[in-house]
PDB file of N, CA and C in Angstrom:
ATOM      1  N   MET A   1       3.568  25.091  15.831  1.00  0.00           N
ATOM      2  CA  MET A   1       3.707  26.767  15.782  1.00  0.00           C
ATOM      3  C   MET A   1       3.835  27.378  16.291  1.00  0.00           C
ATOM      4  N   PRO A   2       4.427  28.640  16.499  1.00  0.00           N
ATOM      5  CA  PRO A   2       5.481  29.520  17.817  1.00  0.00           C
ATOM      6  C   PRO A   2       3.578  30.225  17.833  1.00  0.00           C
ATOM      7  N   ALA A   3       3.692  30.300  18.883  1.00  0.00           N
ATOM      8  CA  ALA A   3       2.656  31.572  19.361  1.00  0.00           C
ATOM      9  C   ALA A   3       2.738  32.235  18.565  1.00  0.00           C
ATOM     10  N   HIS A   4       3.408  33.333  18.353  1.00  0.00           N
ATOM     11  CA  HIS A   4       3.356  34.327  17.365  1.00  0.00           C
ATOM     12  C   HIS A   4       2.471  34.088  16.271  1.00  0.00           C
ATOM     13  N   GLN A   5       2.978  33.888  15.663  1.00  0.00           N
ATOM     14  CA  GLN A   5       2.571  32.925  14.251  1.00  0.00           C
ATOM     15  C   GLN A   5       0.794  32.935  14.413  1.00  0.00           C
ATOM     16  N   ARG A   6       0.516  31.851  15.661  1.00  0.00           N
ATOM     17  CA  ARG A   6      -0.370  31.492  15.662  1.00  0.00           C
ATOM     18  C   ARG A   6      -1.684  32.573  16.113  1.00  0.00           C
ATOM     19  N   ASP A   7      -0.489  34.018  17.028  1.00  0.00           N
ATOM     20  CA  ASP A   7      -1.500  34.482  17.461  1.00  0.00           C
ATOM     21  C   ASP A   7      -1.551  36.106  15.820  1.00  0.00           C
ATOM     22  N   ASP A   8      -0.740  35.760  14.875  1.00  0.00           N
ATOM     23  CA  ASP A   8      -0.644  36.424  13.796  1.00  0.00           C
ATOM     24  C   ASP A   8      -2.020  35.640  13.315  1.00  0.00           C
ATOM     25  N   ALA A   9      -2.317  34.320  12.559  1.00  0.00           N
ATOM     26  CA  ALA A   9      -2.826  33.705  11.909  1.00  0.00           C
ATOM     27  C   ALA A   9      -4.250  33.987  12.039  1.00  0.00           C
ATOM     28  N   LEU A  10      -4.801  34.312  13.715  1.00  0.00           N
ATOM     29  CA  LEU A  10      -6.001  34.302  14.370  1.00  0.00           C
ATOM     30  C   LEU A  10      -6.254  35.935  14.189  1.00  0.00           C
ATOM     31  N   SER A  11      -5.499  36.874  14.354  1.00  0.00           N
ATOM     32  CA  SER A  11      -5.868  37.684  14.050  1.00  0.00           C
ATOM     33  C   SER A  11      -5.754  38.412  12.143  1.00  0.00           C
ATOM     34  N   CYS A  12      -5.047  37.517  11.721  1.00  0.00           N
ATOM     35  CA  CYS A  12      -5.992  37.871  10.162  1.00  0.00           C
ATOM     36  C   CYS A  12      -7.113  37.123   9.988  1.00  0.00           C
ATOM     37  N   ARG A  13      -7.264  36.456  10.703  1.00  0.00           N
ATOM     38  CA  ARG A  13      -8.991  35.462  10.176  1.00  0.00           C
ATOM     39  C   ARG A  13      -9.957  36.342  10.242  1.00  0.00           C
ATOM     40  N   LYS A  14      -9.679  36.741  11.859  1.00  0.00           N
ATOM     41  CA  LYS A  14     -10.466  37.713  12.204  1.00  0.00           C
ATOM     42  C   LYS A  14     -10.879  39.440  11.759  1.00  0.00           C
ATOM     43  N   GLN A  15      -9.912  39.620  11.017  1.00  0.00           N
ATOM     44  CA  GLN A  15     -10.203  40.542  10.189  1.00  0.00           C
ATOM     45  C   GLN A  15     -10.877  40.050   8.952  1.00  0.00           C
ATOM     46  N   ILE A  16     -10.637  38.736   8.379  1.00  0.00           N
ATOM     47  CA  ILE A  16     -10.819  38.391   7.150  1.00  0.00           C
ATOM     48  C   ILE A  16     -12.814  38.310   7.131  1.00  0.00           C
ATOM     49  N   GLU A  17     -13.034  37.725   8.814  1.00  0.00           N
ATOM     50  CA  GLU A  17     -14.354  37.492   8.860  1.00  0.00           C
ATOM     51  C   GLU A  17     -15.278  38.129   9.523  1.00  0.00           C
ATOM     52  N   SER A  18     -14.234  39.649   9.813  1.00  0.00           N
ATOM     53  CA  SER A  18     -15.483  40.798  10.252  1.00  0.00           C
ATOM     54  C   SER A  18     -15.686  41.582   8.881  1.00  0.00           C
ATOM     55  N   GLN A  19     -15.329  41.333   7.581  1.00  0.00           N
ATOM     56  CA  GLN A  19     -15.920  41.910   6.372  1.00  0.00           C
ATOM     57  C   GLN A  19     -17.162  41.814   5.865  1.00  0.00           C
ATOM     58  N   PRO A  20     -17.908  42.504   6.005  1.00  0.00           N
ATOM     59  CA  PRO A  20     -19.290  42.438   5.228  1.00  0.00           C
ATOM     60  C   PRO A  20     -19.234  41.282   3.784  1.00  0.00           C
ATOM     61  N   LEU A  21     -20.276  40.462   3.545  1.00  0.00           N
ATOM     62  CA  LEU A  21     -19.682  39.086   3.001  1.00  0.00           C
ATOM     63  C   LEU A  21     -20.487  40.339   1.195  1.00  0.00           C
ATOM     64  N   ASP A  22     -21.606  41.303   1.884  1.00  0.00           N
ATOM     65  CA  ASP A  22     -21.847  42.001   0.219  1.00  0.00           C
ATOM     66  C   ASP A  22     -20.815  42.186  -0.139  1.00  0.00           C
ATOM     67  N   LEU A  23     -19.654  42.779  -0.191  1.00  0.00           N
ATOM     68  CA  LEU A  23     -18.296  43.653  -0.769  1.00  0.00           C
ATOM     69  C   LEU A  23     -17.500  42.244  -1.646  1.00  0.00           C
ATOM     70  N   LEU A  24     -17.885  40.849  -0.815  1.00  0.00           N
ATOM     71  CA  LEU A  24     -16.665  40.071  -1.481  1.00  0.00           C
ATOM     72  C   LEU A  24     -17.055  40.019  -3.249  1.00  0.00           C
ATOM     73  N   PRO A  25     -18.271  39.855  -4.005  1.00  0.00           N
ATOM     74  CA  PRO A  25     -18.253  40.104  -5.130  1.00  0.00           C
ATOM     75  C   PRO A  25     -17.368  41.192  -5.440  1.00  0.00           C
ATOM     76  N   GLU A  26     -17.722  41.891  -5.142  1.00  0.00           N
ATOM     77  CA  GLU A  26     -17.021  43.921  -5.510  1.00  0.00           C
ATOM     78  C   GLU A  26     -15.285  43.185  -5.534  1.00  0.00           C
ATOM     79  N   PHE A  27     -15.508  42.848  -4.428  1.00  0.00           N
ATOM     80  CA  PHE A  27     -13.979  42.540  -4.724  1.00  0.00           C
ATOM     81  C   PHE A  27     -13.589  40.747  -5.711  1.00  0.00           C
ATOM     82  N   LEU A  28     -14.412  40.215  -5.624  1.00  0.00           N
ATOM     83  CA  LEU A  28     -13.390  39.279  -6.831  1.00  0.00           C
ATOM     84  C   LEU A  28     -13.690  39.501  -8.115  1.00  0.00           C
ATOM     85  N   ALA A  29     -14.823  40.223  -8.657  1.00  0.00           N
ATOM     86  CA  ALA A  29     -14.895  40.650  -9.610  1.00  0.00           C
ATOM     87  C   ALA A  29     -13.826  40.839 -10.770  1.00  0.00           C
ATOM     88  N   PRO A  30     -13.037  41.445 -10.602  1.00  0.00           N
ATOM     89  CA  PRO A  30     -11.519  41.389 -11.301  1.00  0.00           C
ATOM     90  C   PRO A  30     -10.627  40.115 -11.630  1.00  0.00           C
ATOM     91  N   PHE A  31     -10.546  39.375 -10.354  1.00  0.00           N
ATOM     92  CA  PHE A  31      -9.684  38.434 -10.877  1.00  0.00           C
ATOM     93  C   PHE A  31     -10.640  36.761 -11.603  1.00  0.00           C
ATOM     94  N   LEU A  32     -12.290  37.561 -11.742  1.00  0.00           N
ATOM     95  CA  LEU A  32     -12.346  36.042 -11.880  1.00  0.00           C
ATOM     96  C   LEU A  32     -12.883  36.614 -13.635  1.00  0.00           C
ATOM     97  N   HIS A  33     -12.540  37.938 -14.257  1.00  0.00           N
ATOM     98  CA  HIS A  33     -12.305  38.220 -15.329  1.00  0.00           C
ATOM     99  C   HIS A  33     -11.517  37.900 -16.502  1.00  0.00           C
ATOM    100  N   GLN A  34     -10.586  37.629 -15.682  1.00  0.00           N
ATOM    101  CA  GLN A  34      -9.308  37.476 -16.203  1.00  0.00           C
ATOM    102  C   GLN A  34      -8.735  36.711 -17.531  1.00  0.00           C
ATOM    103  N   ALA A  35      -8.252  36.885 -18.429  1.00  0.00           N
ATOM    104  CA  ALA A  35      -7.670  35.920 -19.378  1.00  0.00           C
ATOM    105  C   ALA A  35      -6.884  34.835 -18.726  1.00  0.00           C
ATOM    106  N   ARG A  36      -6.873  33.343 -19.209  1.00  0.00           N
ATOM    107  CA  ARG A  36      -6.161  32.656 -18.646  1.00  0.00           C
ATOM    108  C   ARG A  36      -4.662  32.473 -19.756  1.00  0.00           C
ATOM    109  N   PRO A  37      -3.583  32.396 -18.315  1.00  0.00           N
ATOM    110  CA  PRO A  37      -2.340  32.953 -18.888  1.00  0.00           C
ATOM    111  C   PRO A  37      -1.616  31.964 -19.988  1.00  0.00           C
ATOM    112  N   PRO A  38      -1.210  32.374 -20.802  1.00  0.00           N
ATOM    113  CA  PRO A  38      -0.384  31.045 -21.519  1.00  0.00           C
ATOM    114  C   PRO A  38       0.592  30.039 -21.086  1.00  0.00           C
ATOM    115  N   ALA A  39       0.023  28.712 -21.372  1.00  0.00           N
ATOM    116  CA  ALA A  39       0.472  27.278 -21.076  1.00  0.00           C
ATOM    117  C   ALA A  39       1.900  27.843 -20.416  1.00  0.00           C
ATOM    118  N   LEU A  40       2.862  28.216 -21.093  1.00  0.00           N
ATOM    119  CA  LEU A  40       4.051  28.277 -20.909  1.00  0.00           C
ATOM    120  C   LEU A  40       4.429  29.056 -19.288  1.00  0.00           C
ATOM    121  N   GLU A  41       3.262  29.895 -18.361  1.00  0.00           N
ATOM    122  CA  GLU A  41       2.895  30.538 -17.522  1.00  0.00           C
ATOM    123  C   GLU A  41       3.517  29.712 -16.002  1.00  0.00           C
ATOM    124  N   HIS A  42       3.094  28.511 -17.131  1.00  0.00           N
ATOM    125  CA  HIS A  42       2.519  27.067 -15.754  1.00  0.00           C
ATOM    126  C   HIS A  42       4.018  26.124 -15.898  1.00  0.00           C
ATOM    127  N   GLN A  43       5.148  26.321 -16.778  1.00  0.00           N
ATOM    128  CA  GLN A  43       5.946  25.281 -16.719  1.00  0.00           C
ATOM    129  C   GLN A  43       7.262  26.243 -15.811  1.00  0.00           C
ATOM    130  N   PRO A  44       8.382  25.339 -15.303  1.00  0.00           N
ATOM    131  CA  PRO A  44       9.013  25.584 -14.413  1.00  0.00           C
ATOM    132  C   PRO A  44      10.148  26.571 -14.768  1.00  0.00           C
ATOM    133  N   VAL A  45      11.111  27.473 -14.176  1.00  0.00           N
ATOM    134  CA  VAL A  45      12.050  27.873 -14.785  1.00  0.00           C
ATOM    135  C   VAL A  45      13.344  27.078 -15.012  1.00  0.00           C
ATOM    136  N   ILE A  46      13.694  26.943 -15.162  1.00  0.00           N
ATOM    137  CA  ILE A  46      14.863  25.989 -15.796  1.00  0.00           C
ATOM    138  C   ILE A  46      16.038  27.035 -15.910  1.00  0.00           C
ATOM    139  N   SER A  47      17.298  27.092 -15.384  1.00  0.00           N
ATOM    140  CA  SER A  47      18.257  28.425 -15.256  1.00  0.00           C
ATOM    141  C   SER A  47      19.814  27.566 -14.789  1.00  0.00           C
ATOM    142  N   ASP A  48      20.911  28.232 -15.451  1.00  0.00           N
ATOM    143  CA  ASP A  48      22.077  27.808 -14.579  1.00  0.00           C
ATOM    144  C   ASP A  48      22.907  29.218 -13.526  1.00  0.00           C
ATOM    145  N   VAL A  49      21.658  30.453 -13.404  1.00  0.00           N
ATOM    146  CA  VAL A  49      22.016  31.318 -13.040  1.00  0.00           C
ATOM    147  C   VAL A  49      21.996  31.448 -11.226  1.00  0.00           C
ATOM    148  N   PRO A  50      22.900  31.918 -10.569  1.00  0.00           N
ATOM    149  CA  PRO A  50      22.891  31.409  -9.268  1.00  0.00           C
ATOM    150  C   PRO A  50      22.135  31.886  -8.327  1.00  0.00           C
ATOM    151  N   ALA A  51      21.783  31.236  -7.737  1.00  0.00           N
ATOM    152  CA  ALA A  51      20.570  31.999  -6.916  1.00  0.00           C
ATOM    153  C   ALA A  51      20.270  31.006  -5.275  1.00  0.00           C
ATOM    154  N   LEU A  52      20.234  32.228  -4.600  1.00  0.00           N
ATOM    155  CA  LEU A  52      19.544  31.648  -3.056  1.00  0.00           C
ATOM    156  C   LEU A  52      18.140  31.263  -2.904  1.00  0.00           C
ATOM    157  N   ILE A  53      17.424  30.612  -2.851  1.00  0.00           N
ATOM    158  CA  ILE A  53      15.911  30.128  -2.212  1.00  0.00           C
ATOM    159  C   ILE A  53      16.414  29.680  -1.038  1.00  0.00           C
ATOM    160  N   LEU A  54      15.048  30.750  -0.702  1.00  0.00           N
ATOM    161  CA  LEU A  54      14.914  30.621   0.868  1.00  0.00           C
ATOM    162  C   LEU A  54      13.061  30.509   1.450  1.00  0.00           C
ATOM    163  N   ALA A  55      13.069  29.355   2.403  1.00  0.00           N
ATOM    164  CA  ALA A  55      11.982  29.400   2.807  1.00  0.00           C
ATOM    165  C   ALA A  55      11.713  28.902   4.529  1.00  0.00           C
ATOM    166  N   GLY A  56      10.660  29.740   4.994  1.00  0.00           N
ATOM    167  CA  GLY A  56      10.334  29.107   6.552  1.00  0.00           C
ATOM    168  C   GLY A  56       9.837  28.583   6.417  1.00  0.00           C
ATOM    169  N   GLU A  57      10.607  27.946   7.602  1.00  0.00           N
ATOM    170  CA  GLU A  57      10.023  26.670   8.582  1.00  0.00           C
ATOM    171  C   GLU A  57       8.581  26.545   8.751  1.00  0.00           C
ATOM    172  N   TYR A  58       7.885  27.300   8.897  1.00  0.00           N
ATOM    173  CA  TYR A  58       6.173  27.324   9.197  1.00  0.00           C
ATOM    174  C   TYR A  58       5.376  28.102   8.292  1.00  0.00           C
ATOM    175  N   ASP A  59       5.567  28.282   6.929  1.00  0.00           N
ATOM    176  CA  ASP A  59       5.183  28.598   6.517  1.00  0.00           C
ATOM    177  C   ASP A  59       4.485  28.026   5.083  1.00  0.00           C
ATOM    178  N   PRO A  60       2.544  28.378   5.353  1.00  0.00           N
ATOM    179  CA  PRO A  60       1.635  27.526   5.272  1.00  0.00           C
ATOM    180  C   PRO A  60       1.239  28.190   3.634  1.00  0.00           C
ATOM    181  N   VAL A  61       1.805  29.223   2.837  1.00  0.00           N
ATOM    182  CA  VAL A  61       1.925  29.774   1.867  1.00  0.00           C
ATOM    183  C   VAL A  61       2.429  29.007   0.499  1.00  0.00           C
ATOM    184  N   THR A  62       3.798  29.185   0.509  1.00  0.00           N
ATOM    185  CA  THR A  62       4.753  29.020  -0.143  1.00  0.00           C
ATOM    186  C   THR A  62       6.017  27.651   1.079  1.00  0.00           C
ATOM    187  N   PRO A  63       5.433  26.218   1.384  1.00  0.00           N
ATOM    188  CA  PRO A  63       6.300  25.268   2.004  1.00  0.00           C
ATOM    189  C   PRO A  63       6.964  25.586   1.762  1.00  0.00           C
ATOM    190  N   PRO A  64       8.414  24.730   2.728  1.00  0.00           N
ATOM    191  CA  PRO A  64       9.576  24.538   2.321  1.00  0.00           C
ATOM    192  C   PRO A  64       9.891  23.630   1.080  1.00  0.00           C
ATOM    193  N   ASP A  65       8.606  22.338   1.099  1.00  0.00           N
ATOM    194  CA  ASP A  65       8.523  21.837  -0.335  1.00  0.00           C
ATOM    195  C   ASP A  65       8.801  22.192  -1.422  1.00  0.00           C
ATOM    196  N   TYR A  66       7.757  24.082  -1.273  1.00  0.00           N
ATOM    197  CA  TYR A  66       7.662  24.486  -2.979  1.00  0.00           C
ATOM    198  C   TYR A  66       9.871  24.844  -2.988  1.00  0.00           C
ATOM    199  N   GLY A  67       9.682  24.957  -1.750  1.00  0.00           N
ATOM    200  CA  GLY A  67      11.843  25.970  -1.767  1.00  0.00           C
ATOM    201  C   GLY A  67      12.422  24.917  -3.044  1.00  0.00           C
ATOM    202  N   HIS A  68      12.133  23.423  -2.646  1.00  0.00           N
ATOM    203  CA  HIS A  68      12.734  22.520  -2.840  1.00  0.00           C
ATOM    204  C   HIS A  68      12.345  21.478  -4.207  1.00  0.00           C
ATOM    205  N   GLN A  69      11.278  22.001  -4.527  1.00  0.00           N
ATOM    206  CA  GLN A  69      10.944  22.245  -6.279  1.00  0.00           C
ATOM    207  C   GLN A  69      11.601  22.908  -7.407  1.00  0.00           C
ATOM    208  N   VAL A  70      11.497  24.345  -6.738  1.00  0.00           N
ATOM    209  CA  VAL A  70      12.223  25.290  -7.646  1.00  0.00           C
ATOM    210  C   VAL A  70      13.625  24.507  -7.650  1.00  0.00           C
ATOM    211  N   THR A  71      14.314  24.287  -6.219  1.00  0.00           N
ATOM    212  CA  THR A  71      16.008  23.958  -6.375  1.00  0.00           C
ATOM    213  C   THR A  71      16.551  23.068  -7.447  1.00  0.00           C
ATOM    214  N   GLY A  72      15.398  22.148  -7.289  1.00  0.00           N
ATOM    215  CA  GLY A  72      15.451  20.959  -8.398  1.00  0.00           C
ATOM    216  C   GLY A  72      15.756  21.948 -10.045  1.00  0.00           C
ATOM    217  N   HIS A  73      15.317  22.587 -10.332  1.00  0.00           N
ATOM    218  CA  HIS A  73      15.123  23.205 -11.742  1.00  0.00           C
ATOM    219  C   HIS A  73      16.085  24.012 -11.827  1.00  0.00           C
ATOM    220  N   LEU A  74      16.864  24.403 -10.981  1.00  0.00           N
ATOM    221  CA  LEU A  74      18.452  25.251 -11.227  1.00  0.00           C
ATOM    222  C   LEU A  74      19.238  24.837 -10.645  1.00  0.00           C
ATOM    223  N   SER A  75      20.129  24.402 -11.394  1.00  0.00           N
ATOM    224  CA  SER A  75      21.620  24.324 -11.283  1.00  0.00           C
ATOM    225  C   SER A  75      22.669  25.221 -10.723  1.00  0.00           C
ATOM    226  N   ARG A  76      22.398  26.298 -10.212  1.00  0.00           N
ATOM    227  CA  ARG A  76      23.245  26.949  -9.541  1.00  0.00           C
ATOM    228  C   ARG A  76      22.420  27.314  -8.309  1.00  0.00           C
ATOM    229  N   ALA A  77      21.541  26.473  -7.663  1.00  0.00           N
ATOM    230  CA  ALA A  77      20.510  26.925  -6.722  1.00  0.00           C
ATOM    231  C   ALA A  77      21.138  26.340  -5.497  1.00  0.00           C
ATOM    232  N   GLN A  78      21.525  27.820  -4.310  1.00  0.00           N
ATOM    233  CA  GLN A  78      21.156  26.723  -3.172  1.00  0.00           C
ATOM    234  C   GLN A  78      20.097  27.430  -1.710  1.00  0.00           C
ATOM    235  N   PHE A  79      19.304  26.293  -1.257  1.00  0.00           N
ATOM    236  CA  PHE A  79      18.164  26.203  -0.267  1.00  0.00           C
ATOM    237  C   PHE A  79      18.609  25.983   1.037  1.00  0.00           C
ATOM    238  N   PHE A  80      17.808  27.314   1.310  1.00  0.00           N
ATOM    239  CA  PHE A  80      17.950  27.361   2.962  1.00  0.00           C
ATOM    240  C   PHE A  80      16.805  27.993   3.700  1.00  0.00           C
ATOM    241  N   GLU A  81      16.716  26.964   4.566  1.00  0.00           N
ATOM    242  CA  GLU A  81      15.385  26.936   5.166  1.00  0.00           C
ATOM    243  C   GLU A  81      15.389  27.602   6.573  1.00  0.00           C
ATOM    244  N   LEU A  82      15.022  28.722   6.781  1.00  0.00           N
ATOM    245  CA  LEU A  82      14.664  29.617   8.199  1.00  0.00           C
ATOM    246  C   LEU A  82      14.158  28.965   9.320  1.00  0.00           C
ATOM    247  N   ARG A  83      14.483  28.656  10.290  1.00  0.00           N
ATOM    248  CA  ARG A  83      14.187  27.565  11.391  1.00  0.00           C
ATOM    249  C   ARG A  83      13.129  28.930  11.952  1.00  0.00           C
ATOM    250  N   ALA A  84      11.758  27.986  11.922  1.00  0.00           N
ATOM    251  CA  ALA A  84      10.219  28.852  12.987  1.00  0.00           C
ATOM    252  C   ALA A  84       9.609  29.892  11.689  1.00  0.00           C
ATOM    253  N   PRO A  85      10.434  30.813  10.786  1.00  0.00           N
ATOM    254  CA  PRO A  85       9.290  31.877  10.349  1.00  0.00           C
ATOM    255  C   PRO A  85       8.550  31.115   9.483  1.00  0.00           C
ATOM    256  N   GLY A  86       7.079  31.914   9.772  1.00  0.00           N
ATOM    257  CA  GLY A  86       5.856  31.230   8.325  1.00  0.00           C
ATOM    258  C   GLY A  86       6.201  32.519   7.410  1.00  0.00           C
ATOM    259  N   HIS A  87       5.165  32.600   6.493  1.00  0.00           N
ATOM    260  CA  HIS A  87       4.919  33.990   5.343  1.00  0.00           C
ATOM    261  C   HIS A  87       5.386  35.305   6.093  1.00  0.00           C
ATOM    262  N   GLY A  88       5.870  36.115   5.203  1.00  0.00           N
ATOM    263  CA  GLY A  88       6.626  37.264   5.298  1.00  0.00           C
ATOM    264  C   GLY A  88       6.859  37.510   6.869  1.00  0.00           C
ATOM    265  N   ARG A  89       8.005  36.259   7.055  1.00  0.00           N
ATOM    266  CA  ARG A  89       8.485  36.883   8.562  1.00  0.00           C
ATOM    267  C   ARG A  89      10.717  36.538   7.663  1.00  0.00           C
ATOM    268  N   ILE A  90      10.619  36.731   6.757  1.00  0.00           N
ATOM    269  CA  ILE A  90      12.275  36.256   6.064  1.00  0.00           C
ATOM    270  C   ILE A  90      12.849  37.794   6.529  1.00  0.00           C
ATOM    271  N   SER A  91      11.803  38.934   6.600  1.00  0.00           N
ATOM    272  CA  SER A  91      13.090  40.125   6.928  1.00  0.00           C
ATOM    273  C   SER A  91      13.228  39.982   8.176  1.00  0.00           C
ATOM    274  N   PHE A  92      13.069  38.913   9.103  1.00  0.00           N
ATOM    275  CA  PHE A  92      13.486  38.894   9.943  1.00  0.00           C
ATOM    276  C   PHE A  92      14.820  37.656  10.018  1.00  0.00           C
ATOM    277  N   ALA A  93      15.368  37.535   9.039  1.00  0.00           N
ATOM    278  CA  ALA A  93      16.719  36.398   9.174  1.00  0.00           C
ATOM    279  C   ALA A  93      17.512  36.795   9.142  1.00  0.00           C
ATOM    280  N   THR A  94      18.347  35.692   9.920  1.00  0.00           N
ATOM    281  CA  THR A  94      20.188  36.505  10.291  1.00  0.00           C
ATOM    282  C   THR A  94      20.597  35.742   9.542  1.00  0.00           C
ATOM    283  N   PRO A  95      22.088  34.829   9.470  1.00  0.00           N
ATOM    284  CA  PRO A  95      22.775  34.075   8.786  1.00  0.00           C
ATOM    285  C   PRO A  95      22.708  33.117   9.799  1.00  0.00           C
ATOM    286  N   ALA A  96      22.266  33.730  11.390  1.00  0.00           N
ATOM    287  CA  ALA A  96      22.616  32.618  12.410  1.00  0.00           C
ATOM    288  C   ALA A  96      21.215  30.900  12.829  1.00  0.00           C
ATOM    289  N   THR A  97      20.212  32.674  11.510  1.00  0.00           N
ATOM    290  CA  THR A  97      18.622  31.500  11.795  1.00  0.00           C
ATOM    291  C   THR A  97      19.347  30.705  10.405  1.00  0.00           C
ATOM    292  N   LEU A  98      19.968  30.599   9.373  1.00  0.00           N
ATOM    293  CA  LEU A  98      19.499  29.536   8.237  1.00  0.00           C
ATOM    294  C   LEU A  98      20.110  28.323   8.773  1.00  0.00           C
ATOM    295  N   SER A  99      19.694  27.381   8.373  1.00  0.00           N
ATOM    296  CA  SER A  99      19.748  25.610   8.365  1.00  0.00           C
ATOM    297  C   SER A  99      19.699  25.114   7.254  1.00  0.00           C
ATOM    298  N   PRO A 100      20.977  24.479   6.581  1.00  0.00           N
ATOM    299  CA  PRO A 100      22.148  24.769   7.448  1.00  0.00           C
ATOM    300  C   PRO A 100      22.887  25.981   7.107  1.00  0.00           C
ATOM    301  N   PRO A 101      23.825  26.194   8.293  1.00  0.00           N
ATOM    302  CA  PRO A 101      24.234  27.374   7.869  1.00  0.00           C
ATOM    303  C   PRO A 101      24.874  28.155   6.570  1.00  0.00           C
ATOM    304  N   PHE A 102      24.746  29.338   6.804  1.00  0.00           N
ATOM    305  CA  PHE A 102      24.444  29.908   5.287  1.00  0.00           C
ATOM    306  C   PHE A 102      26.556  30.359   5.052  1.00  0.00           C
ATOM    307  N   PRO A 103      26.924  29.923   4.163  1.00  0.00           N
ATOM    308  CA  PRO A 103      28.834  29.605   3.981  1.00  0.00           C
ATOM    309  C   PRO A 103      28.446  32.096   4.319  1.00  0.00           C
ATOM    310  N   ALA A 104      29.861  32.013   4.539  1.00  0.00           N
ATOM    311  CA  ALA A 104      30.762  33.103   4.582  1.00  0.00           C
ATOM    312  C   ALA A 104      30.993  33.523   3.115  1.00  0.00           C
ATOM    313  N   ARG A 105      31.306  32.366   2.145  1.00  0.00           N
ATOM    314  CA  ARG A 105      31.197  33.125   0.315  1.00  0.00           C
ATOM    315  C   ARG A 105      30.402  31.617  -0.007  1.00  0.00           C
ATOM    316  N   SER A 106      30.167  32.506  -1.177  1.00  0.00           N
ATOM    317  CA  SER A 106      29.286  30.717  -1.672  1.00  0.00           C
ATOM    318  C   SER A 106      29.700  30.698  -2.967  1.00  0.00           C
ATOM    319  N   GLY A 107      30.679  31.690  -3.351  1.00  0.00           N
ATOM    320  CA  GLY A 107      31.091  31.206  -5.183  1.00  0.00           C
ATOM    321  C   GLY A 107      30.294  31.570  -6.159  1.00  0.00           C
ATOM    322  N   CYS A 108      29.404  32.606  -5.900  1.00  0.00           N
ATOM    323  CA  CYS A 108      28.540  32.861  -6.646  1.00  0.00           C
ATOM    324  C   CYS A 108      28.617  33.855  -7.847  1.00  0.00           C
TER     325      CYS A 108
END
């Protein structure tokens, strides 16, 4: 993992650990009492709509394997893995960082 991502992760961990534990139940309460989503919410989206699936090489939240799974259900999807980004770093992507190189025209 690149140093800047390790530093970001350590910074987040320190922020979380610095929070008083007595606030945790208050924070979690709205999430614990929500109704279960319908079974349909757990099914993959199947579509022939053109889609570009981007994944960051070091994303621990939505790793590239998830992108490959999604792409498998989308008949006109293209998957590109960004070199080095983690979660939330997609905004720094440029066509040159895509692997394989992003085509000048995708035909979508």
